[in-house]
C-alpha cells in the first residue's frame, strides 16, 4: 500500500512533526483552514486566532513552511516499508474517520484491508493473571477463526495474549502503537510485531522516531476503540489504562464488553465495575458476535461472503448459503427454494432458524427479506 507524497500529504506530515501540536490542535487547525497546506500558508495572526495556538506554536508552524522535515520523514518511511496515510486517503480506515480527534496522518507497517472494519478490540492489564491471559488468548483465537480482526495495543499482558491468540488461529490482528513505528515498545515484542506485520498491521499516529512517552499511551487508546466495533476488557484493575479505552468506546457509540473474573480478584475490580455500570458480560466469542450491531455498509469478509451484520459470522455453511439467496428487498420463498441446491424441507427449516436469529423477516405474500438489525 503505497502513498503518493503529494503536497497536501507532505504538509499533513509536517504538521504532525511540529512541536506542540497534538491531534486535538491539529484537528482545530484543519477545521479552521481546511487543509494542511492552508495552515502553513496562513499568517501568524490568523494562526493565533485559533483556540489553543499561542505565539510559540504559531512560530513553530511558520518556521516549517518549506516542509523539509516532512520530506525526510517520508523518505525514511519508504526506506522501512512504512506507509503514511493522510485522513483523505482511500486506504485510511473508515471506522477511524467516524471518531473524534481522528489522527490527521496514520503510519502503517503491514496492510489494512476492507474487512478490517469487522474488528473487535481486546485490552486489559499489563500485570494480568494466568486466568486473564488464558481468556484473552481463547477469545482472540475464537474471534479470529470467525473472521473478526483483533485490535490491541501491543502492550505486555492481555494485549500480547490477544495478538498471539489471533495469530495462532491464522487470523488478522492490528496493533496500535503509542510511540513511532521505528521505536518498538516494549522492546521484547519485536518478534511479535514482525508476525503482526505479516498477518495484519502495526499502526501509529506518532512520527517514526518518537519514543515511548507516558501521555502517548492513553492518547492511543482512542484509536484502538476507533478501529473497532466494540471493545472487550479482560482484567482491569481500578486504575487500569484499559478503562480509558472502554470510555472512548462508549463516547464513540461502540459496544463495551467485559470478561468477569473472581469476585475477590483485585485484577478484575475495574472490569466488575464496568459490568455493574452496564457493560455486557461475555463468556465466549459467540456472545460478542451476537451482541454487535449492524455494519454501516456490508463488508466482503471472503471472496464468497458479504457480511451485513457480525451475527452472520456465527452461521454454519448451510445457513450462510440460504441467507445469501435472500435480498434486502422482498424475495419470494419459492425463488429461494428453486435456487438452493438442497431439499425444500431443509431450506424451509433453515429459513426458520434464520428467522429465529433475526437475520430474515417473513412478509405477506410468501416472501422473505434480509434484515440488517
Protein backbone atom coordinates (compact mmCIF):
# COMPACT_ATOMS: atom_id res chain seq x y z
CA UNK A 1 0.00 0.00 0.00
CA UNK A 2 1.99 2.97 -1.24
CA UNK A 3 1.05 6.62 -0.86
CA UNK A 4 1.96 9.31 -3.36
CA UNK A 5 3.54 12.07 -1.29
CA UNK A 6 1.59 14.93 -2.83
CA UNK A 7 1.93 18.46 -1.37
CA UNK A 8 -1.08 18.05 0.95
CA UNK A 9 0.26 14.76 2.36
CA UNK A 10 3.68 16.33 2.94
CA UNK A 11 2.03 19.28 4.69
CA UNK A 12 -0.03 16.92 6.90
CA UNK A 13 3.14 15.02 7.85
CA UNK A 14 4.94 18.30 8.63
CA UNK A 15 2.02 19.39 10.79
CA UNK A 16 2.26 16.13 12.72
CA UNK A 17 6.00 16.72 13.24
CA UNK A 18 5.56 20.26 14.55
CA UNK A 19 6.34 20.57 18.29
CA UNK A 20 3.38 21.49 20.46
CA UNK A 21 0.75 20.19 18.05
CA UNK A 22 -1.14 17.15 19.28
CA UNK A 23 -4.09 15.58 17.46
CA UNK A 24 -6.63 17.92 19.09
CA UNK A 25 -4.88 21.12 17.99
CA UNK A 26 -4.24 19.68 14.53
CA UNK A 27 -7.96 18.97 14.22
CA UNK A 28 -8.85 22.52 15.28
CA UNK A 29 -6.41 23.95 12.74
CA UNK A 30 -7.70 21.74 9.94
CA UNK A 31 -11.29 22.67 10.78
CA UNK A 32 -10.36 26.36 10.63
CA UNK A 33 -8.21 26.40 7.49
CA UNK A 34 -9.49 23.39 5.55
CA UNK A 35 -6.15 21.79 4.66
CA UNK A 36 -2.64 21.32 5.97
CA UNK A 37 -1.24 23.40 3.09
CA UNK A 38 -3.55 26.27 4.03
CA UNK A 39 -2.31 26.11 7.63
CA UNK A 40 1.30 26.62 6.55
CA UNK A 41 0.21 29.44 4.22
CA UNK A 42 -1.68 31.25 7.00
CA UNK A 43 -0.30 34.35 8.66
CA UNK A 44 0.85 34.31 12.24
CA UNK A 45 -2.10 36.49 13.20
CA UNK A 46 -4.58 34.04 11.67
CA UNK A 47 -2.90 31.13 13.43
CA UNK A 48 -3.11 32.89 16.79
CA UNK A 49 -6.86 33.29 16.29
CA UNK A 50 -7.28 29.50 16.68
CA UNK A 51 -8.05 28.45 20.24
CA UNK A 52 -5.03 26.82 21.89
CA UNK A 53 -2.45 28.24 19.47
CA UNK A 54 -0.01 30.52 21.25
CA UNK A 55 2.97 32.53 19.95
CA UNK A 56 5.41 29.64 20.38
CA UNK A 57 3.34 27.15 18.37
CA UNK A 58 2.45 29.76 15.77
CA UNK A 59 6.15 30.48 15.27
CA UNK A 60 6.92 26.76 15.04
CA UNK A 61 4.36 26.35 12.26
CA UNK A 62 5.59 29.39 10.34
CA UNK A 63 9.23 28.25 10.52
CA UNK A 64 8.41 24.89 8.89
CA UNK A 65 6.74 26.07 5.69
CA UNK A 66 9.44 24.51 3.48
CA UNK A 67 8.28 21.01 4.62
CA UNK A 68 11.88 19.80 4.77
CA UNK A 69 11.34 17.63 7.85
CA UNK A 70 8.30 16.02 6.20
CA UNK A 71 10.33 15.09 3.13
CA UNK A 72 12.93 13.40 5.32
CA UNK A 73 10.22 11.60 7.32
CA UNK A 74 8.54 10.29 4.17
CA UNK A 75 11.85 9.11 2.74
CA UNK A 76 12.62 7.26 5.99
CA UNK A 77 9.16 5.66 5.99
CA UNK A 78 9.64 4.49 2.41
CA UNK A 79 13.02 3.03 3.32
CA UNK A 80 11.43 0.89 6.04
CA UNK A 81 8.35 -0.14 4.05
CA UNK A 82 6.02 2.03 6.13
CA UNK A 83 3.05 3.79 4.54
CA UNK A 84 1.87 7.20 5.69
CA UNK A 85 -1.86 7.67 5.21
CA UNK A 86 -3.40 11.14 5.38
CA UNK A 87 -7.00 11.26 6.54
CA UNK A 88 -8.24 11.83 2.98
CA UNK A 89 -6.53 8.68 1.65
CA UNK A 90 -8.79 5.95 0.25
CA UNK A 91 -6.72 3.48 2.32
CA UNK A 92 -7.37 5.30 5.62
CA UNK A 93 -9.52 3.11 7.94
CA UNK A 94 -13.15 4.15 7.50
CA UNK A 95 -14.05 3.23 11.09
CA UNK A 96 -11.47 5.69 12.39
CA UNK A 97 -12.87 8.61 10.37
CA UNK A 98 -16.13 8.28 12.33
CA UNK A 99 -14.47 9.23 15.64
CA UNK A 100 -13.49 12.48 17.32
CA UNK A 101 -9.91 13.75 17.02
CA UNK A 102 -9.17 11.43 14.10
CA UNK A 103 -5.39 11.24 13.55
CA UNK A 104 -4.61 13.55 10.59
CA UNK A 105 -1.98 11.04 9.47
CA UNK A 106 -1.54 7.38 10.26
CA UNK A 107 1.68 5.38 9.92
CA UNK A 108 1.11 1.78 8.80
CA UNK A 109 3.55 -1.13 8.67
CA UNK A 110 1.71 -4.05 7.09
CA UNK A 111 -1.62 -4.00 5.27
CA UNK A 112 -5.06 -2.61 6.00
CA UNK A 113 -7.93 -4.16 4.05
CA UNK A 114 -11.68 -3.63 3.70
CA UNK A 115 -12.63 -6.50 6.02
CA UNK A 116 -10.69 -4.82 8.87
CA UNK A 117 -13.94 -2.97 9.60
CA UNK A 118 -15.03 -6.30 11.14
CA UNK A 119 -12.80 -5.68 14.15
CA UNK A 120 -13.05 -6.04 17.91
CA UNK A 121 -10.53 -4.71 20.44
CA UNK A 122 -9.26 -6.84 23.32
CA UNK A 123 -7.40 -4.93 26.04
CA UNK A 124 -6.60 -5.29 29.71
CA UNK A 125 -3.97 -5.17 32.39
CA UNK A 126 -0.25 -5.42 31.71
CA UNK A 127 0.06 -7.23 35.06
CA UNK A 128 -2.52 -9.89 34.29
CA UNK A 129 -3.10 -13.24 35.94
CA UNK A 130 -2.85 -16.62 34.24
CA UNK A 131 -6.66 -16.64 34.03
CA UNK A 132 -6.76 -13.28 32.24
CA UNK A 133 -4.02 -14.20 29.79
CA UNK A 134 -5.73 -17.50 29.00
CA UNK A 135 -9.15 -15.89 28.45
CA UNK A 136 -7.68 -13.22 26.17
CA UNK A 137 -5.91 -15.84 24.07
CA UNK A 138 -9.01 -18.04 23.78
CA UNK A 139 -11.32 -15.12 22.92
CA UNK A 140 -8.94 -13.71 20.32
CA UNK A 141 -8.46 -17.09 18.69
CA UNK A 142 -12.20 -17.77 18.50
CA UNK A 143 -12.95 -14.31 17.11
CA UNK A 144 -10.18 -14.65 14.53
CA UNK A 145 -11.48 -18.03 13.38
CA UNK A 146 -14.93 -16.48 12.96
CA UNK A 147 -13.48 -13.79 10.68
CA UNK A 148 -13.16 -10.95 13.21
CA UNK A 149 -9.97 -8.85 13.21
CA UNK A 150 -8.45 -8.47 16.70
CA UNK A 151 -7.21 -4.99 17.64
CA UNK A 152 -4.99 -4.31 20.66
CA UNK A 153 -2.11 -2.17 21.84
CA UNK A 154 0.96 -4.46 21.70
CA UNK A 155 1.49 -3.94 25.45
CA UNK A 156 2.62 -6.61 27.86
CA UNK A 157 -0.01 -8.85 29.42
CA UNK A 158 -3.52 -9.00 27.95
CA UNK A 159 -2.65 -7.11 24.74
CA UNK A 160 0.15 -9.51 23.84
CA UNK A 161 -2.06 -12.51 24.63
CA UNK A 162 -4.80 -11.16 22.35
CA UNK A 163 -2.41 -10.63 19.44
CA UNK A 164 -0.92 -14.08 19.99
CA UNK A 165 -4.32 -15.75 20.09
CA UNK A 166 -5.34 -14.19 16.76
CA UNK A 167 -2.01 -15.03 15.11
CA UNK A 168 -2.03 -18.65 16.25
CA UNK A 169 -5.57 -19.02 14.90
CA UNK A 170 -4.40 -17.81 11.49
CA UNK A 171 -6.41 -14.59 11.73
CA UNK A 172 -5.69 -10.93 11.28
CA UNK A 173 -4.65 -8.58 14.06
CA UNK A 174 -3.85 -4.86 14.25
CA UNK A 175 -1.54 -3.38 16.88
CA UNK A 176 -1.94 0.30 17.72
CA UNK A 177 1.43 1.56 18.94
CA UNK A 178 1.87 4.63 21.14
CA UNK A 179 5.46 5.50 20.08
CA UNK A 180 6.67 5.73 16.49
CA UNK A 181 6.98 2.55 14.47
CA UNK A 182 10.77 2.77 14.49
CA UNK A 183 10.81 2.86 18.31
CA UNK A 184 9.38 -0.53 19.21
CA UNK A 185 7.91 -0.72 22.71
CA UNK A 186 8.14 -2.86 24.65
CA UNK A 187 11.40 -3.99 23.02
CA UNK A 188 10.81 -7.67 23.80
CA UNK A 189 7.81 -7.62 21.43
CA UNK A 190 9.89 -7.14 18.28
CA UNK A 191 9.29 -10.70 17.10
CA UNK A 192 5.58 -10.45 17.89
CA UNK A 193 5.41 -7.19 15.94
CA UNK A 194 7.07 -8.85 12.95
CA UNK A 195 4.41 -11.57 12.96
CA UNK A 196 1.65 -8.98 13.22
CA UNK A 197 3.00 -7.16 10.16
CA UNK A 198 2.70 -10.42 8.20
CA UNK A 199 -0.90 -11.04 9.35
CA UNK A 200 -2.21 -7.51 9.73
CA UNK A 201 -0.58 -4.23 10.58
CA UNK A 202 1.16 -2.03 13.11
CA UNK A 203 -0.32 1.48 13.17
CA UNK A 204 0.61 4.67 14.97
CA UNK A 205 -0.11 8.37 14.80
CA UNK A 206 3.34 9.18 16.23
CA UNK A 207 6.23 10.26 14.00
CA UNK A 208 8.62 7.41 13.22
CA UNK A 209 11.32 8.25 15.75
CA UNK A 210 9.13 9.36 18.66
CA UNK A 211 9.96 7.25 21.69
CA UNK A 212 7.58 5.99 24.39
CA UNK A 213 6.18 8.85 26.47
CA UNK A 214 3.67 8.47 29.29
CA UNK A 215 0.96 10.63 27.72
CA UNK A 216 1.00 8.80 24.40
CA UNK A 217 -0.47 5.57 25.78
CA UNK A 218 -3.86 6.89 26.95
CA UNK A 219 -3.97 9.02 23.79
CA UNK A 220 -3.59 5.99 21.50
CA UNK A 221 -6.49 4.23 23.28
CA UNK A 222 -8.99 6.31 21.30
CA UNK A 223 -7.51 4.79 18.13
CA UNK A 224 -7.89 1.25 19.46
CA UNK A 225 -11.54 1.99 20.21
CA UNK A 226 -12.00 3.84 16.91
CA UNK A 227 -10.81 0.91 14.80
CA UNK A 228 -13.24 -1.49 16.49
CA UNK A 229 -16.95 -2.29 16.51
CA UNK A 230 -16.59 -2.99 20.22
CA UNK A 231 -14.03 -3.35 22.99
CA UNK A 232 -13.56 -6.33 25.29
CA UNK A 233 -11.98 -5.62 28.67
CA UNK A 234 -10.17 -8.62 30.14
CA UNK A 235 -8.89 -7.98 33.68
CA UNK A 236 -8.72 -4.33 34.55
CA UNK A 237 -7.87 -3.01 37.98
CA UNK A 238 -9.39 0.20 39.29
CA UNK A 239 -6.64 2.30 37.70
CA UNK A 240 -6.09 0.28 34.53
CA UNK A 241 -5.48 2.24 31.35
CA UNK A 242 -7.79 -0.15 29.51
CA UNK A 243 -10.71 1.57 31.25
CA UNK A 244 -9.85 4.64 29.14
CA UNK A 245 -10.34 2.51 26.04
CA UNK A 246 -13.75 1.46 27.35
CA UNK A 247 -14.64 5.11 27.91
CA UNK A 248 -13.59 6.01 24.36
CA UNK A 249 -15.73 3.15 23.02
CA UNK A 250 -18.75 4.47 24.89
CA UNK A 251 -18.13 8.02 23.67
CA UNK A 252 -17.82 6.75 20.09
CA UNK A 253 -21.06 4.79 20.31
CA UNK A 254 -19.31 1.42 20.18
CA UNK A 255 -20.03 -1.66 22.28
CA UNK A 256 -18.22 -2.42 25.56
CA UNK A 257 -17.85 -6.00 26.78
CA UNK A 258 -16.28 -7.32 29.96
CA UNK A 259 -14.96 -10.72 30.98
CA UNK A 260 -15.82 -11.46 34.62
CA UNK A 261 -13.11 -12.62 36.98
CA UNK A 262 -13.14 -13.86 40.57
CA UNK A 263 -15.26 -11.54 42.69
CA UNK A 264 -12.37 -11.18 45.16
CA UNK A 265 -9.72 -10.53 42.50
CA UNK A 266 -8.18 -7.05 42.55
CA UNK A 267 -7.14 -7.65 38.93
CA UNK A 268 -10.83 -7.60 37.90
CA UNK A 269 -12.18 -4.80 40.09
CA UNK A 270 -12.35 -2.33 37.21
CA UNK A 271 -13.90 -4.96 34.95
CA UNK A 272 -16.60 -5.78 37.51
CA UNK A 273 -17.38 -2.08 37.89
CA UNK A 274 -17.92 -1.88 34.13
CA UNK A 275 -20.36 -4.80 34.29
CA UNK A 276 -22.17 -3.15 37.22
CA UNK A 277 -22.42 0.07 35.22
CA UNK A 278 -23.87 -1.56 32.09
CA UNK A 279 -21.08 -3.22 30.10
CA UNK A 280 -22.14 -6.54 28.60
CA UNK A 281 -20.83 -9.58 30.45
CA UNK A 282 -19.44 -12.09 27.96
CA UNK A 283 -18.48 -15.75 28.30
CA UNK A 284 -17.18 -16.50 24.82
CA UNK A 285 -16.73 -15.16 21.30
CA UNK A 286 -20.30 -16.06 20.31
CA UNK A 287 -21.62 -13.70 22.99
CA UNK A 288 -19.58 -10.89 21.42
CA UNK A 289 -20.61 -11.60 17.83
CA UNK A 290 -24.30 -11.87 18.75
CA UNK A 291 -24.20 -8.52 20.56
CA UNK A 292 -22.51 -6.49 17.81
CA UNK A 293 -24.83 -4.21 15.87
CA UNK A 294 -25.26 -3.96 12.10
CA UNK A 295 -22.45 -2.60 9.95
CA UNK A 296 -22.73 0.84 8.35
CA UNK A 297 -22.13 -0.85 4.99
CA UNK A 298 -21.74 -4.53 4.02
CA UNK A 299 -18.22 -5.95 4.14
CA UNK A 300 -16.72 -8.57 1.86
CA UNK A 301 -15.17 -10.83 4.50
CA UNK A 302 -14.17 -13.51 1.96
CA UNK A 303 -14.48 -13.70 -1.85
CA UNK A 304 -17.70 -15.71 -1.35
CA UNK A 305 -19.19 -13.95 1.68
CA UNK A 306 -20.66 -10.48 2.16
CA UNK A 307 -21.44 -9.67 5.78
CA UNK A 308 -24.20 -7.20 6.73
CA UNK A 309 -24.07 -7.80 10.48
CA UNK A 310 -21.40 -9.62 12.52
CA UNK A 311 -24.02 -12.09 13.77
CA UNK A 312 -23.86 -13.72 10.33
CA UNK A 313 -20.37 -14.95 11.22
CA UNK A 314 -21.93 -17.43 13.65
CA UNK A 315 -23.82 -19.20 10.85
CA UNK A 316 -22.93 -22.64 9.55
CA UNK A 317 -22.33 -23.25 5.84
CA UNK A 318 -25.94 -24.27 5.11
CA UNK A 319 -27.39 -21.24 6.89
CA UNK A 320 -24.99 -18.91 5.11
CA UNK A 321 -25.83 -20.41 1.72
CA UNK A 322 -29.58 -19.89 2.19
CA UNK A 323 -29.12 -16.38 3.64
CA UNK A 324 -27.11 -15.31 0.60
CA UNK A 325 -30.11 -16.18 -1.61
CA UNK A 326 -32.25 -13.58 0.16
CA UNK A 327 -32.20 -9.89 -0.72
CA UNK A 328 -32.83 -6.86 1.47
CA UNK A 329 -35.98 -6.36 -0.62
CA UNK A 330 -38.88 -8.88 -0.59
CA UNK A 331 -37.76 -12.20 -2.07
CA UNK A 332 -40.31 -14.93 -2.97
CA UNK A 333 -39.76 -18.03 -0.84
CA UNK A 334 -40.40 -20.15 -3.96
CA UNK A 335 -37.42 -18.43 -5.59
CA UNK A 336 -35.20 -19.35 -2.63
CA UNK A 337 -36.40 -22.98 -2.85
CA UNK A 338 -35.55 -23.13 -6.56
CA UNK A 339 -32.10 -21.54 -6.22
CA UNK A 340 -30.97 -23.51 -3.17
CA UNK A 341 -29.13 -26.71 -4.02
CA UNK A 342 -30.77 -28.74 -1.24
CA UNK A 343 -34.11 -30.40 -0.43
CA UNK A 344 -37.03 -27.96 0.07
CA UNK A 345 -37.68 -29.26 3.58
CA UNK A 346 -34.12 -28.39 4.59
CA UNK A 347 -34.42 -24.93 3.06
CA UNK A 348 -37.64 -24.24 4.95
CA UNK A 349 -36.18 -25.39 8.25
CA UNK A 350 -33.10 -23.25 7.63
CA UNK A 351 -35.31 -20.22 6.94
CA UNK A 352 -36.97 -20.81 10.31
CA UNK A 353 -33.56 -20.85 12.01
CA UNK A 354 -32.53 -17.63 10.25
CA UNK A 355 -35.79 -16.02 11.33
CA UNK A 356 -35.18 -17.04 14.94
CA UNK A 357 -31.71 -15.49 14.69
CA UNK A 358 -33.34 -12.25 13.48
CA UNK A 359 -31.46 -12.31 10.18
CA UNK A 360 -34.55 -12.62 7.95
CA UNK A 361 -38.17 -11.50 8.22
CA UNK A 362 -41.22 -13.22 6.70
CA UNK A 363 -43.56 -10.96 4.73
CA UNK A 364 -47.13 -11.30 3.43
CA UNK A 365 -47.44 -13.00 0.04
CA UNK A 366 -44.99 -15.83 0.80
CA UNK A 367 -41.99 -13.52 0.67
CA UNK A 368 -39.00 -13.08 2.90
CA UNK A 369 -36.37 -10.35 3.27
CA UNK A 370 -32.96 -9.98 4.84
CA UNK A 371 -32.75 -7.82 7.95
CA UNK A 372 -29.73 -5.81 8.99
CA UNK A 373 -30.69 -5.05 12.57
